[in-house]
Amino acid sequence: MTGDTRIEQAHLLYERAVFGGDSDVLATADLGLDAVEADVALARGRLEHARFLDNQVENALELELFKRAAELYERLGDVRGEGEALFWVGTFHQVVRDDTETALPAYIRARELATRADDRLTLSYVLRHLGFAEHMAGRLDAAREHLEESTRLRRELGFLPGVAANAITLAQFAAEQHQRDEATALLEEAAEMAEATESHGVLRWVAAARERLELP
């Protein structure tokens, strides 16, 4: 059911309550609108995160939106939605505030919920960011395992820009382990996928990684 459909349903249920005398339907209308609000909060939060990635300026509204979405999805019993919203709560703390310790509980819960809901896309994101956490803790092998599993899921889903983004990170890990040939190959793979999918932002990340790692 789309957002517009749920809003229209709420209007119809209002009329049933007011003109038909059936006030029991109001709870159903509330649930529909809670679902709309959750979807909108999650979508708006992601837009705020995109703005942060562009200008590096924190907007606390981003966290409020993600937390509100998670709260509503939990109330609705929407496991998939709650897992996705909690992933973004964790991402706000890790990426925007550079606070991985605070992010970890949200990531762990998001992984549990995404697994339960078979939401492989969200799971791929969670694993990617858990990989970042392992890397920051100096556990490079564990970091690579998380990124490789995230990449496997993304390949299954045909999410090639996401595969390319992961390849850049894996190239970084390979370079840190003095595996420069592997790192070069990973960046070449990332560039090819980014070009094929017209992912120009990812191409810029490839160029930056090549410069940073001093690779061809």
N, C-alpha and C. Protein backbone atom coordinates (compact mmCIF):
# COMPACT_ATOMS: atom_id res chain seq x y z
N MET A 1 0.85 -1.19 0.00
CA MET A 1 0.00 0.00 0.00
C MET A 1 0.89 1.24 0.00
N THR A 2 0.63 2.18 -0.89
CA THR A 2 1.45 3.39 -0.97
C THR A 2 1.04 4.39 0.10
N GLY A 3 1.91 5.41 0.28
CA GLY A 3 1.60 6.44 1.25
C GLY A 3 0.30 7.14 0.94
N ASP A 4 0.11 7.49 -0.34
CA ASP A 4 -1.12 8.17 -0.73
C ASP A 4 -2.35 7.30 -0.46
N THR A 5 -2.22 6.02 -0.71
CA THR A 5 -3.34 5.10 -0.47
C THR A 5 -3.67 5.03 1.01
N ARG A 6 -2.62 5.02 1.85
CA ARG A 6 -2.86 4.95 3.29
C ARG A 6 -3.48 6.24 3.81
N ILE A 7 -3.10 7.36 3.24
CA ILE A 7 -3.72 8.63 3.63
C ILE A 7 -5.18 8.66 3.19
N GLU A 8 -5.43 8.19 1.99
CA GLU A 8 -6.82 8.13 1.51
C GLU A 8 -7.64 7.18 2.38
N GLN A 9 -7.03 6.07 2.78
CA GLN A 9 -7.74 5.14 3.67
C GLN A 9 -8.10 5.82 4.99
N ALA A 10 -7.16 6.62 5.51
CA ALA A 10 -7.43 7.33 6.77
C ALA A 10 -8.61 8.28 6.60
N HIS A 11 -8.72 8.91 5.44
CA HIS A 11 -9.85 9.81 5.17
C HIS A 11 -11.16 9.03 5.16
N LEU A 12 -11.14 7.88 4.50
CA LEU A 12 -12.35 7.06 4.44
C LEU A 12 -12.75 6.54 5.82
N LEU A 13 -11.73 6.16 6.61
CA LEU A 13 -12.03 5.67 7.94
C LEU A 13 -12.54 6.79 8.85
N TYR A 14 -12.06 7.99 8.63
CA TYR A 14 -12.59 9.15 9.34
C TYR A 14 -14.09 9.26 9.08
N GLU A 15 -14.47 9.16 7.81
CA GLU A 15 -15.89 9.29 7.47
C GLU A 15 -16.72 8.16 8.08
N ARG A 16 -16.14 6.96 8.10
CA ARG A 16 -16.85 5.85 8.74
C ARG A 16 -17.06 6.12 10.22
N ALA A 17 -16.05 6.72 10.86
CA ALA A 17 -16.16 6.99 12.29
C ALA A 17 -17.17 8.10 12.56
N VAL A 18 -17.08 9.18 11.77
CA VAL A 18 -17.93 10.35 12.03
C VAL A 18 -19.36 10.12 11.55
N PHE A 19 -19.51 9.66 10.32
CA PHE A 19 -20.84 9.53 9.74
C PHE A 19 -21.46 8.15 9.94
N GLY A 20 -20.59 7.17 10.06
CA GLY A 20 -21.11 5.81 10.24
C GLY A 20 -21.16 5.36 11.68
N GLY A 21 -20.56 6.15 12.56
CA GLY A 21 -20.60 5.82 13.98
C GLY A 21 -19.70 4.68 14.38
N ASP A 22 -18.72 4.34 13.54
CA ASP A 22 -17.83 3.21 13.83
C ASP A 22 -16.46 3.75 14.26
N SER A 23 -16.35 4.13 15.51
CA SER A 23 -15.09 4.72 15.99
C SER A 23 -13.98 3.69 16.15
N ASP A 24 -14.32 2.40 16.10
CA ASP A 24 -13.29 1.37 16.22
C ASP A 24 -12.28 1.43 15.07
N VAL A 25 -12.67 2.00 13.93
CA VAL A 25 -11.78 2.03 12.77
C VAL A 25 -10.67 3.06 12.93
N LEU A 26 -10.76 3.94 13.93
CA LEU A 26 -9.74 4.98 14.07
C LEU A 26 -8.37 4.40 14.38
N ALA A 27 -8.34 3.30 15.13
CA ALA A 27 -7.05 2.68 15.45
C ALA A 27 -6.38 2.17 14.18
N THR A 28 -7.17 1.64 13.26
CA THR A 28 -6.62 1.18 11.98
C THR A 28 -6.06 2.34 11.19
N ALA A 29 -6.78 3.46 11.21
CA ALA A 29 -6.29 4.66 10.51
C ALA A 29 -4.98 5.14 11.11
N ASP A 30 -4.88 5.10 12.43
CA ASP A 30 -3.64 5.52 13.09
C ASP A 30 -2.46 4.67 12.65
N LEU A 31 -2.67 3.37 12.56
CA LEU A 31 -1.59 2.48 12.15
C LEU A 31 -1.12 2.78 10.73
N GLY A 32 -2.06 3.03 9.85
CA GLY A 32 -1.69 3.37 8.49
C GLY A 32 -0.87 4.64 8.41
N LEU A 33 -1.29 5.64 9.18
CA LEU A 33 -0.56 6.91 9.17
C LEU A 33 0.79 6.79 9.88
N ASP A 34 0.87 5.93 10.90
CA ASP A 34 2.18 5.68 11.53
C ASP A 34 3.15 5.09 10.52
N ALA A 35 2.65 4.20 9.66
CA ALA A 35 3.50 3.60 8.63
C ALA A 35 3.97 4.65 7.63
N VAL A 36 3.06 5.55 7.25
CA VAL A 36 3.44 6.65 6.35
C VAL A 36 4.50 7.52 7.00
N GLU A 37 4.28 7.89 8.26
CA GLU A 37 5.22 8.76 8.96
C GLU A 37 6.59 8.10 9.07
N ALA A 38 6.61 6.79 9.35
CA ALA A 38 7.88 6.08 9.47
C ALA A 38 8.63 6.11 8.15
N ASP A 39 7.92 5.83 7.05
CA ASP A 39 8.56 5.83 5.73
C ASP A 39 9.11 7.21 5.38
N VAL A 40 8.33 8.24 5.69
CA VAL A 40 8.77 9.61 5.37
C VAL A 40 9.97 10.00 6.24
N ALA A 41 9.93 9.66 7.52
CA ALA A 41 11.04 10.00 8.41
C ALA A 41 12.33 9.33 7.94
N LEU A 42 12.24 8.06 7.56
CA LEU A 42 13.43 7.35 7.08
C LEU A 42 13.96 7.99 5.80
N ALA A 43 13.06 8.29 4.88
CA ALA A 43 13.48 8.89 3.61
C ALA A 43 14.10 10.27 3.83
N ARG A 44 13.50 11.08 4.69
CA ARG A 44 14.05 12.42 4.95
C ARG A 44 15.39 12.32 5.67
N GLY A 45 15.53 11.36 6.56
CA GLY A 45 16.80 11.18 7.25
C GLY A 45 17.92 10.83 6.28
N ARG A 46 17.60 9.99 5.30
CA ARG A 46 18.62 9.63 4.30
C ARG A 46 19.00 10.84 3.45
N LEU A 47 18.05 11.69 3.15
CA LEU A 47 18.38 12.91 2.40
C LEU A 47 19.30 13.81 3.22
N GLU A 48 19.03 13.91 4.52
CA GLU A 48 19.91 14.71 5.37
C GLU A 48 21.31 14.12 5.42
N HIS A 49 21.39 12.77 5.40
CA HIS A 49 22.72 12.15 5.42
C HIS A 49 23.47 12.45 4.12
N ALA A 50 22.75 12.42 3.01
CA ALA A 50 23.38 12.75 1.73
C ALA A 50 23.91 14.19 1.76
N ARG A 51 23.15 15.08 2.38
CA ARG A 51 23.61 16.47 2.49
C ARG A 51 24.88 16.55 3.35
N PHE A 52 24.91 15.76 4.43
CA PHE A 52 26.12 15.76 5.26
C PHE A 52 27.32 15.28 4.46
N LEU A 53 27.16 14.21 3.68
CA LEU A 53 28.27 13.70 2.89
C LEU A 53 28.76 14.74 1.89
N ASP A 54 27.85 15.60 1.45
CA ASP A 54 28.21 16.62 0.48
C ASP A 54 28.90 17.83 1.12
N ASN A 55 28.39 18.27 2.29
CA ASN A 55 28.93 19.51 2.87
C ASN A 55 29.61 19.34 4.22
N GLN A 56 29.55 18.11 4.79
CA GLN A 56 30.20 17.81 6.08
C GLN A 56 29.68 18.69 7.21
N VAL A 57 28.42 19.11 7.13
CA VAL A 57 27.79 19.91 8.18
C VAL A 57 26.72 19.06 8.86
N GLU A 58 26.88 18.83 10.15
CA GLU A 58 25.91 18.01 10.88
C GLU A 58 24.58 18.73 11.05
N ASN A 59 23.51 17.98 10.87
CA ASN A 59 22.16 18.45 11.18
C ASN A 59 21.55 17.43 12.13
N ALA A 60 21.32 17.83 13.38
CA ALA A 60 20.81 16.90 14.39
C ALA A 60 19.46 16.33 14.00
N LEU A 61 18.75 17.00 13.09
CA LEU A 61 17.47 16.49 12.62
C LEU A 61 17.63 15.11 12.01
N GLU A 62 18.76 14.84 11.41
CA GLU A 62 18.99 13.53 10.80
C GLU A 62 18.80 12.42 11.82
N LEU A 63 19.44 12.54 12.97
CA LEU A 63 19.31 11.51 14.00
C LEU A 63 17.88 11.41 14.52
N GLU A 64 17.23 12.55 14.71
CA GLU A 64 15.85 12.55 15.19
C GLU A 64 14.94 11.79 14.22
N LEU A 65 15.15 12.00 12.94
CA LEU A 65 14.32 11.33 11.93
C LEU A 65 14.53 9.82 11.96
N PHE A 66 15.78 9.39 12.04
CA PHE A 66 16.04 7.95 12.05
C PHE A 66 15.51 7.29 13.32
N LYS A 67 15.65 7.97 14.45
CA LYS A 67 15.15 7.40 15.70
C LYS A 67 13.62 7.34 15.70
N ARG A 68 12.99 8.35 15.14
CA ARG A 68 11.53 8.35 15.05
C ARG A 68 11.06 7.22 14.15
N ALA A 69 11.73 7.01 13.02
CA ALA A 69 11.37 5.92 12.13
C ALA A 69 11.51 4.58 12.83
N ALA A 70 12.62 4.38 13.54
CA ALA A 70 12.83 3.11 14.25
C ALA A 70 11.75 2.87 15.29
N GLU A 71 11.39 3.93 16.02
CA GLU A 71 10.34 3.82 17.05
C GLU A 71 9.00 3.42 16.44
N LEU A 72 8.64 4.05 15.32
CA LEU A 72 7.36 3.75 14.68
C LEU A 72 7.35 2.35 14.08
N TYR A 73 8.43 1.97 13.42
CA TYR A 73 8.49 0.62 12.84
C TYR A 73 8.40 -0.45 13.92
N GLU A 74 9.06 -0.20 15.06
CA GLU A 74 8.98 -1.16 16.16
C GLU A 74 7.54 -1.28 16.65
N ARG A 75 6.86 -0.14 16.80
CA ARG A 75 5.47 -0.13 17.25
C ARG A 75 4.58 -0.90 16.27
N LEU A 76 4.89 -0.78 14.98
CA LEU A 76 4.09 -1.44 13.95
C LEU A 76 4.43 -2.92 13.77
N GLY A 77 5.51 -3.35 14.40
CA GLY A 77 5.95 -4.72 14.22
C GLY A 77 6.61 -4.94 12.86
N ASP A 78 7.12 -3.87 12.26
CA ASP A 78 7.78 -3.93 10.95
C ASP A 78 9.26 -4.19 11.19
N VAL A 79 9.64 -5.46 11.18
CA VAL A 79 11.01 -5.86 11.49
C VAL A 79 11.99 -5.31 10.47
N ARG A 80 11.64 -5.42 9.19
CA ARG A 80 12.53 -4.94 8.14
C ARG A 80 12.78 -3.44 8.27
N GLY A 81 11.69 -2.69 8.45
CA GLY A 81 11.82 -1.24 8.57
C GLY A 81 12.61 -0.83 9.79
N GLU A 82 12.37 -1.50 10.91
CA GLU A 82 13.10 -1.16 12.13
C GLU A 82 14.59 -1.42 11.95
N GLY A 83 14.92 -2.55 11.32
CA GLY A 83 16.33 -2.86 11.10
C GLY A 83 17.02 -1.82 10.24
N GLU A 84 16.34 -1.38 9.17
CA GLU A 84 16.93 -0.38 8.29
C GLU A 84 17.11 0.95 9.03
N ALA A 85 16.10 1.35 9.79
CA ALA A 85 16.19 2.61 10.52
C ALA A 85 17.32 2.57 11.55
N LEU A 86 17.47 1.44 12.23
CA LEU A 86 18.54 1.34 13.23
C LEU A 86 19.91 1.35 12.59
N PHE A 87 20.01 0.78 11.39
CA PHE A 87 21.28 0.90 10.67
C PHE A 87 21.65 2.36 10.49
N TRP A 88 20.68 3.17 10.10
CA TRP A 88 20.96 4.59 9.87
C TRP A 88 21.23 5.34 11.16
N VAL A 89 20.61 4.91 12.25
CA VAL A 89 20.96 5.50 13.55
C VAL A 89 22.45 5.26 13.82
N GLY A 90 22.89 4.01 13.60
CA GLY A 90 24.30 3.70 13.80
C GLY A 90 25.19 4.49 12.86
N THR A 91 24.78 4.64 11.61
CA THR A 91 25.58 5.36 10.64
C THR A 91 25.74 6.83 11.02
N PHE A 92 24.67 7.42 11.56
CA PHE A 92 24.79 8.81 12.01
C PHE A 92 25.90 8.93 13.05
N HIS A 93 25.89 8.03 14.03
CA HIS A 93 26.89 8.12 15.09
C HIS A 93 28.30 7.84 14.55
N GLN A 94 28.42 6.84 13.69
CA GLN A 94 29.75 6.46 13.20
C GLN A 94 30.32 7.46 12.20
N VAL A 95 29.48 7.85 11.24
CA VAL A 95 29.97 8.67 10.13
C VAL A 95 29.91 10.16 10.45
N VAL A 96 28.80 10.60 11.00
CA VAL A 96 28.63 12.04 11.25
C VAL A 96 29.39 12.46 12.49
N ARG A 97 29.27 11.68 13.57
CA ARG A 97 29.88 12.08 14.84
C ARG A 97 31.17 11.33 15.17
N ASP A 98 31.59 10.45 14.27
CA ASP A 98 32.84 9.71 14.48
C ASP A 98 32.84 9.01 15.83
N ASP A 99 31.72 8.37 16.15
CA ASP A 99 31.53 7.71 17.45
C ASP A 99 31.08 6.27 17.20
N THR A 100 32.04 5.42 16.87
CA THR A 100 31.71 4.03 16.54
C THR A 100 31.19 3.28 17.76
N GLU A 101 31.68 3.61 18.94
CA GLU A 101 31.25 2.91 20.15
C GLU A 101 29.74 3.05 20.35
N THR A 102 29.22 4.25 20.14
CA THR A 102 27.78 4.46 20.26
C THR A 102 27.02 3.80 19.12
N ALA A 103 27.66 3.71 17.97
CA ALA A 103 26.99 3.13 16.80
C ALA A 103 26.82 1.61 16.91
N LEU A 104 27.74 0.94 17.59
CA LEU A 104 27.77 -0.52 17.55
C LEU A 104 26.47 -1.20 18.01
N PRO A 105 25.86 -0.79 19.14
CA PRO A 105 24.62 -1.46 19.54
C PRO A 105 23.52 -1.36 18.48
N ALA A 106 23.44 -0.22 17.81
CA ALA A 106 22.44 -0.07 16.75
C ALA A 106 22.75 -1.00 15.59
N TYR A 107 24.02 -1.11 15.23
CA TYR A 107 24.42 -2.01 14.14
C TYR A 107 24.12 -3.47 14.48
N ILE A 108 24.44 -3.86 15.71
CA ILE A 108 24.21 -5.26 16.11
C ILE A 108 22.73 -5.60 16.06
N ARG A 109 21.90 -4.70 16.56
CA ARG A 109 20.45 -4.93 16.51
C ARG A 109 19.95 -4.90 15.07
N ALA A 110 20.48 -3.99 14.26
CA ALA A 110 20.07 -3.91 12.86
C ALA A 110 20.44 -5.20 12.12
N ARG A 111 21.60 -5.75 12.43
CA ARG A 111 22.00 -7.01 11.78
C ARG A 111 21.04 -8.14 12.16
N GLU A 112 20.67 -8.18 13.41
CA GLU A 112 19.73 -9.22 13.87
C GLU A 112 18.38 -9.08 13.15
N LEU A 113 17.86 -7.88 13.07
CA LEU A 113 16.55 -7.66 12.46
C LEU A 113 16.59 -7.87 10.95
N ALA A 114 17.66 -7.40 10.30
CA ALA A 114 17.77 -7.57 8.85
C ALA A 114 17.89 -9.05 8.50
N THR A 115 18.59 -9.80 9.31
CA THR A 115 18.71 -11.24 9.09
C THR A 115 17.36 -11.91 9.24
N ARG A 116 16.63 -11.52 10.26
CA ARG A 116 15.30 -12.10 10.50
C ARG A 116 14.35 -11.78 9.35
N ALA A 117 14.46 -10.58 8.80
CA ALA A 117 13.56 -10.16 7.73
C ALA A 117 14.06 -10.55 6.34
N ASP A 118 15.24 -11.18 6.28
CA ASP A 118 15.88 -11.51 5.01
C ASP A 118 16.05 -10.26 4.15
N ASP A 119 16.42 -9.17 4.80
CA ASP A 119 16.68 -7.90 4.11
C ASP A 119 18.18 -7.86 3.80
N ARG A 120 18.56 -8.45 2.68
CA ARG A 120 19.97 -8.61 2.36
C ARG A 120 20.65 -7.29 2.03
N LEU A 121 19.90 -6.33 1.50
CA LEU A 121 20.51 -5.04 1.19
C LEU A 121 20.94 -4.32 2.46
N THR A 122 20.00 -4.21 3.42
CA THR A 122 20.37 -3.58 4.69
C THR A 122 21.49 -4.35 5.37
N LEU A 123 21.42 -5.68 5.33
CA LEU A 123 22.47 -6.49 5.94
C LEU A 123 23.83 -6.19 5.31
N SER A 124 23.84 -5.98 3.99
CA SER A 124 25.11 -5.67 3.33
C SER A 124 25.67 -4.34 3.83
N TYR A 125 24.81 -3.39 4.09
CA TYR A 125 25.26 -2.10 4.62
C TYR A 125 25.78 -2.26 6.05
N VAL A 126 25.05 -3.02 6.86
CA VAL A 126 25.47 -3.22 8.25
C VAL A 126 26.85 -3.88 8.29
N LEU A 127 27.03 -4.92 7.49
CA LEU A 127 28.31 -5.63 7.48
C LEU A 127 29.44 -4.71 7.02
N ARG A 128 29.15 -3.88 6.03
CA ARG A 128 30.17 -2.92 5.57
C ARG A 128 30.62 -2.02 6.72
N HIS A 129 29.67 -1.49 7.46
CA HIS A 129 30.02 -0.56 8.53
C HIS A 129 30.59 -1.27 9.75
N LEU A 130 30.20 -2.51 9.99
CA LEU A 130 30.87 -3.29 11.03
C LEU A 130 32.32 -3.56 10.63
N GLY A 131 32.54 -3.72 9.32
CA GLY A 131 33.90 -3.86 8.84
C GLY A 131 34.74 -2.63 9.14
N PHE A 132 34.14 -1.45 8.98
CA PHE A 132 34.84 -0.22 9.34
C PHE A 132 35.21 -0.22 10.82
N ALA A 133 34.27 -0.69 11.65
CA ALA A 133 34.52 -0.73 13.09
C ALA A 133 35.67 -1.67 13.42
N GLU A 134 35.69 -2.83 12.77
CA GLU A 134 36.79 -3.78 13.00
C GLU A 134 38.12 -3.18 12.55
N HIS A 135 38.09 -2.49 11.45
CA HIS A 135 39.31 -1.86 10.95
C HIS A 135 39.84 -0.83 11.93
N MET A 136 38.94 -0.02 12.47
CA MET A 136 39.36 1.00 13.44
C MET A 136 39.94 0.37 14.70
N ALA A 137 39.46 -0.83 15.02
CA ALA A 137 39.96 -1.54 16.21
C ALA A 137 41.24 -2.30 15.92
N GLY A 138 41.71 -2.23 14.68
CA GLY A 138 42.96 -2.90 14.34
C GLY A 138 42.81 -4.36 13.98
N ARG A 139 41.57 -4.80 13.77
CA ARG A 139 41.33 -6.22 13.43
C ARG A 139 41.07 -6.31 11.92
N LEU A 140 42.14 -6.28 11.17
CA LEU A 140 42.04 -6.15 9.72
C LEU A 140 41.44 -7.40 9.07
N ASP A 141 41.80 -8.59 9.56
CA ASP A 141 41.24 -9.82 8.98
C ASP A 141 39.72 -9.86 9.17
N ALA A 142 39.25 -9.50 10.36
CA ALA A 142 37.81 -9.48 10.62
C ALA A 142 37.13 -8.42 9.76
N ALA A 143 37.81 -7.29 9.58
CA ALA A 143 37.25 -6.22 8.74
C ALA A 143 37.06 -6.72 7.31
N ARG A 144 38.05 -7.43 6.77
CA ARG A 144 37.95 -7.95 5.41
C ARG A 144 36.82 -8.97 5.31
N GLU A 145 36.67 -9.82 6.32
CA GLU A 145 35.60 -10.82 6.29
C GLU A 145 34.23 -10.16 6.19
N HIS A 146 34.03 -9.11 6.96
CA HIS A 146 32.75 -8.39 6.91
C HIS A 146 32.52 -7.77 5.54
N LEU A 147 33.55 -7.12 5.00
CA LEU A 147 33.42 -6.48 3.68
C LEU A 147 33.20 -7.51 2.58
N GLU A 148 33.87 -8.65 2.68
CA GLU A 148 33.70 -9.68 1.66
C GLU A 148 32.29 -10.27 1.69
N GLU A 149 31.75 -10.46 2.90
CA GLU A 149 30.38 -10.97 2.99
C GLU A 149 29.39 -9.92 2.48
N SER A 150 29.62 -8.66 2.81
CA SER A 150 28.78 -7.58 2.29
C SER A 150 28.82 -7.57 0.77
N THR A 151 30.01 -7.75 0.20
CA THR A 151 30.15 -7.76 -1.25
C THR A 151 29.42 -8.93 -1.88
N ARG A 152 29.50 -10.09 -1.24
CA ARG A 152 28.79 -11.27 -1.76
C ARG A 152 27.29 -11.01 -1.84
N LEU A 153 26.74 -10.41 -0.81
CA LEU A 153 25.31 -10.10 -0.79
C LEU A 153 24.97 -9.09 -1.89
N ARG A 154 25.81 -8.11 -2.06
CA ARG A 154 25.54 -7.08 -3.06
C ARG A 154 25.63 -7.64 -4.48
N ARG A 155 26.54 -8.56 -4.69
CA ARG A 155 26.61 -9.21 -6.01
C ARG A 155 25.33 -10.01 -6.27
N GLU A 156 24.86 -10.72 -5.27
CA GLU A 156 23.62 -11.49 -5.41
C GLU A 156 22.45 -10.59 -5.79
N LEU A 157 22.43 -9.40 -5.21
CA LEU A 157 21.34 -8.45 -5.45
C LEU A 157 21.52 -7.65 -6.74
N GLY A 158 22.68 -7.75 -7.36
CA GLY A 158 22.95 -6.94 -8.54
C GLY A 158 23.19 -5.48 -8.22
N PHE A 159 23.60 -5.19 -6.99
CA PHE A 159 23.84 -3.81 -6.54
C PHE A 159 25.29 -3.45 -6.86
N LEU A 160 25.56 -3.17 -8.13
CA LEU A 160 26.93 -2.98 -8.59
C LEU A 160 27.60 -1.72 -8.04
N PRO A 161 26.91 -0.58 -7.92
CA PRO A 161 27.60 0.56 -7.29
C PRO A 161 28.07 0.23 -5.87
N GLY A 162 27.26 -0.55 -5.14
CA GLY A 162 27.66 -0.96 -3.79
C GLY A 162 28.83 -1.92 -3.81
N VAL A 163 28.87 -2.82 -4.81
CA VAL A 163 30.02 -3.72 -4.96
C VAL A 163 31.28 -2.90 -5.22
N ALA A 164 31.16 -1.90 -6.08
CA ALA A 164 32.31 -1.05 -6.41
C ALA A 164 32.80 -0.30 -5.17
N ALA A 165 31.87 0.23 -4.39
CA ALA A 165 32.25 0.95 -3.17
C ALA A 165 33.00 0.02 -2.22
N ASN A 166 32.53 -1.22 -2.10
CA ASN A 166 33.21 -2.18 -1.23
C ASN A 166 34.60 -2.52 -1.77
N ALA A 167 34.72 -2.62 -3.09
CA ALA A 167 36.02 -2.96 -3.68
C ALA A 167 37.06 -1.89 -3.34
N ILE A 168 36.63 -0.64 -3.28
CA ILE A 168 37.55 0.44 -2.90
C ILE A 168 38.06 0.22 -1.48
N THR A 169 37.14 -0.10 -0.58
CA THR A 169 37.54 -0.34 0.81
C THR A 169 38.45 -1.56 0.92
N LEU A 170 38.12 -2.63 0.19
CA LEU A 170 38.96 -3.83 0.22
C LEU A 170 40.34 -3.54 -0.36
N ALA A 171 40.40 -2.63 -1.33
CA ALA A 171 41.71 -2.23 -1.87
C ALA A 171 42.54 -1.54 -0.79
N GLN A 172 41.88 -0.71 0.00
CA GLN A 172 42.57 -0.06 1.12
C GLN A 172 43.13 -1.10 2.07
N PHE A 173 42.30 -2.10 2.41
CA PHE A 173 42.76 -3.14 3.33
C PHE A 173 43.94 -3.91 2.73
N ALA A 174 43.84 -4.24 1.43
CA ALA A 174 44.91 -4.99 0.78
C ALA A 174 46.21 -4.19 0.78
N ALA A 175 46.12 -2.90 0.52
CA ALA A 175 47.32 -2.06 0.51
C ALA A 175 47.95 -2.03 1.90
N GLU A 176 47.13 -1.98 2.93
CA GLU A 176 47.66 -1.95 4.29
C GLU A 176 48.37 -3.26 4.64
N GLN A 177 48.00 -4.34 3.96
CA GLN A 177 48.66 -5.63 4.18
C GLN A 177 49.73 -5.89 3.12
N HIS A 178 50.15 -4.82 2.44
CA HIS A 178 51.23 -4.86 1.45
C HIS A 178 50.91 -5.77 0.27
N GLN A 179 49.64 -5.86 -0.07
CA GLN A 179 49.20 -6.64 -1.23
C GLN A 179 48.82 -5.66 -2.34
N ARG A 180 49.82 -5.02 -2.90
CA ARG A 180 49.58 -3.91 -3.81
C ARG A 180 48.97 -4.37 -5.14
N ASP A 181 49.35 -5.54 -5.61
CA ASP A 181 48.76 -6.04 -6.86
C ASP A 181 47.26 -6.28 -6.69
N GLU A 182 46.89 -6.87 -5.55
CA GLU A 182 45.47 -7.09 -5.27
C GLU A 182 44.73 -5.77 -5.14
N ALA A 183 45.34 -4.83 -4.47
CA ALA A 183 44.71 -3.51 -4.31
C ALA A 183 44.49 -2.85 -5.66
N THR A 184 45.48 -2.93 -6.54
CA THR A 184 45.36 -2.34 -7.88
C THR A 184 44.23 -3.00 -8.65
N ALA A 185 44.14 -4.34 -8.56
CA ALA A 185 43.09 -5.07 -9.28
C ALA A 185 41.71 -4.70 -8.75
N LEU A 186 41.60 -4.53 -7.44
CA LEU A 186 40.32 -4.17 -6.84
C LEU A 186 39.87 -2.78 -7.29
N LEU A 187 40.78 -1.86 -7.36
CA LEU A 187 40.43 -0.52 -7.80
C LEU A 187 40.05 -0.50 -9.27
N GLU A 188 40.71 -1.34 -10.07
CA GLU A 188 40.34 -1.44 -11.48
C GLU A 188 38.93 -2.01 -11.62
N GLU A 189 38.62 -3.03 -10.83
CA GLU A 189 37.27 -3.61 -10.84
C GLU A 189 36.24 -2.57 -10.42
N ALA A 190 36.57 -1.81 -9.38
CA ALA A 190 35.65 -0.77 -8.91
C ALA A 190 35.40 0.26 -10.00
N ALA A 191 36.45 0.67 -10.68
CA ALA A 191 36.31 1.67 -11.74
C ALA A 191 35.45 1.15 -12.88
N GLU A 192 35.66 -0.10 -13.26
CA GLU A 192 34.88 -0.68 -14.36
C GLU A 192 33.40 -0.74 -14.02
N MET A 193 33.08 -1.17 -12.80
CA MET A 193 31.67 -1.25 -12.40
C MET A 193 31.06 0.14 -12.28
N ALA A 194 31.83 1.09 -11.76
CA ALA A 194 31.33 2.46 -11.62
C ALA A 194 31.05 3.06 -12.99
N GLU A 195 31.94 2.82 -13.93
CA GLU A 195 31.72 3.35 -15.29
C GLU A 195 30.49 2.70 -15.93
N ALA A 196 30.35 1.38 -15.74
CA ALA A 196 29.24 0.66 -16.35
C ALA A 196 27.89 1.12 -15.81
N THR A 197 27.87 1.56 -14.57
CA THR A 197 26.61 1.97 -13.93
C THR A 197 26.48 3.49 -13.84
N GLU A 198 27.41 4.21 -14.47
CA GLU A 198 27.42 5.67 -14.45
C GLU A 198 27.40 6.22 -13.02
N SER A 199 28.16 5.55 -12.15
CA SER A 199 28.27 5.97 -10.75
C SER A 199 29.44 6.93 -10.62
N HIS A 200 29.21 8.17 -10.98
CA HIS A 200 30.30 9.14 -11.07
C HIS A 200 30.89 9.47 -9.70
N GLY A 201 30.07 9.43 -8.67
CA GLY A 201 30.59 9.64 -7.32
C GLY A 201 31.57 8.56 -6.94
N VAL A 202 31.26 7.31 -7.28
CA VAL A 202 32.16 6.21 -6.97
C VAL A 202 33.46 6.35 -7.76
N LEU A 203 33.37 6.81 -9.00
CA LEU A 203 34.59 7.03 -9.79
C LEU A 203 35.51 8.04 -9.11
N ARG A 204 34.92 9.06 -8.50
CA ARG A 204 35.74 10.03 -7.77
C ARG A 204 36.41 9.37 -6.57
N TRP A 205 35.68 8.43 -5.92
CA TRP A 205 36.28 7.72 -4.78
C TRP A 205 37.45 6.85 -5.25
N VAL A 206 37.29 6.23 -6.43
CA VAL A 206 38.38 5.41 -6.98
C VAL A 206 39.61 6.28 -7.22
N ALA A 207 39.41 7.43 -7.84
CA ALA A 207 40.53 8.32 -8.13
C ALA A 207 41.23 8.77 -6.84
N ALA A 208 40.42 9.09 -5.83
CA ALA A 208 40.99 9.52 -4.55
C ALA A 208 41.78 8.39 -3.89
N ALA A 209 41.25 7.16 -3.99
CA ALA A 209 41.95 6.01 -3.39
C ALA A 209 43.27 5.75 -4.10
N ARG A 210 43.26 5.85 -5.42
CA ARG A 210 44.51 5.63 -6.18
C ARG A 210 45.58 6.66 -5.76
N GLU A 211 45.15 7.89 -5.61
CA GLU A 211 46.11 8.93 -5.19
C GLU A 211 46.60 8.70 -3.78
N ARG A 212 45.67 8.37 -2.89
CA ARG A 212 46.02 8.17 -1.49
C ARG A 212 46.95 6.98 -1.31
N LEU A 213 46.68 5.89 -2.04
CA LEU A 213 47.45 4.66 -1.89
C LEU A 213 48.64 4.61 -2.85
N GLU A 214 48.76 5.64 -3.70
CA GLU A 214 49.85 5.72 -4.68
C GLU A 214 49.86 4.48 -5.57
N LEU A 215 48.66 4.20 -6.15
CA LEU A 215 48.49 3.05 -7.03
C LEU A 215 48.08 3.52 -8.41
N PRO A 216 48.40 2.75 -9.46
CA PRO A 216 48.03 3.16 -10.82
C PRO A 216 46.52 3.06 -11.06
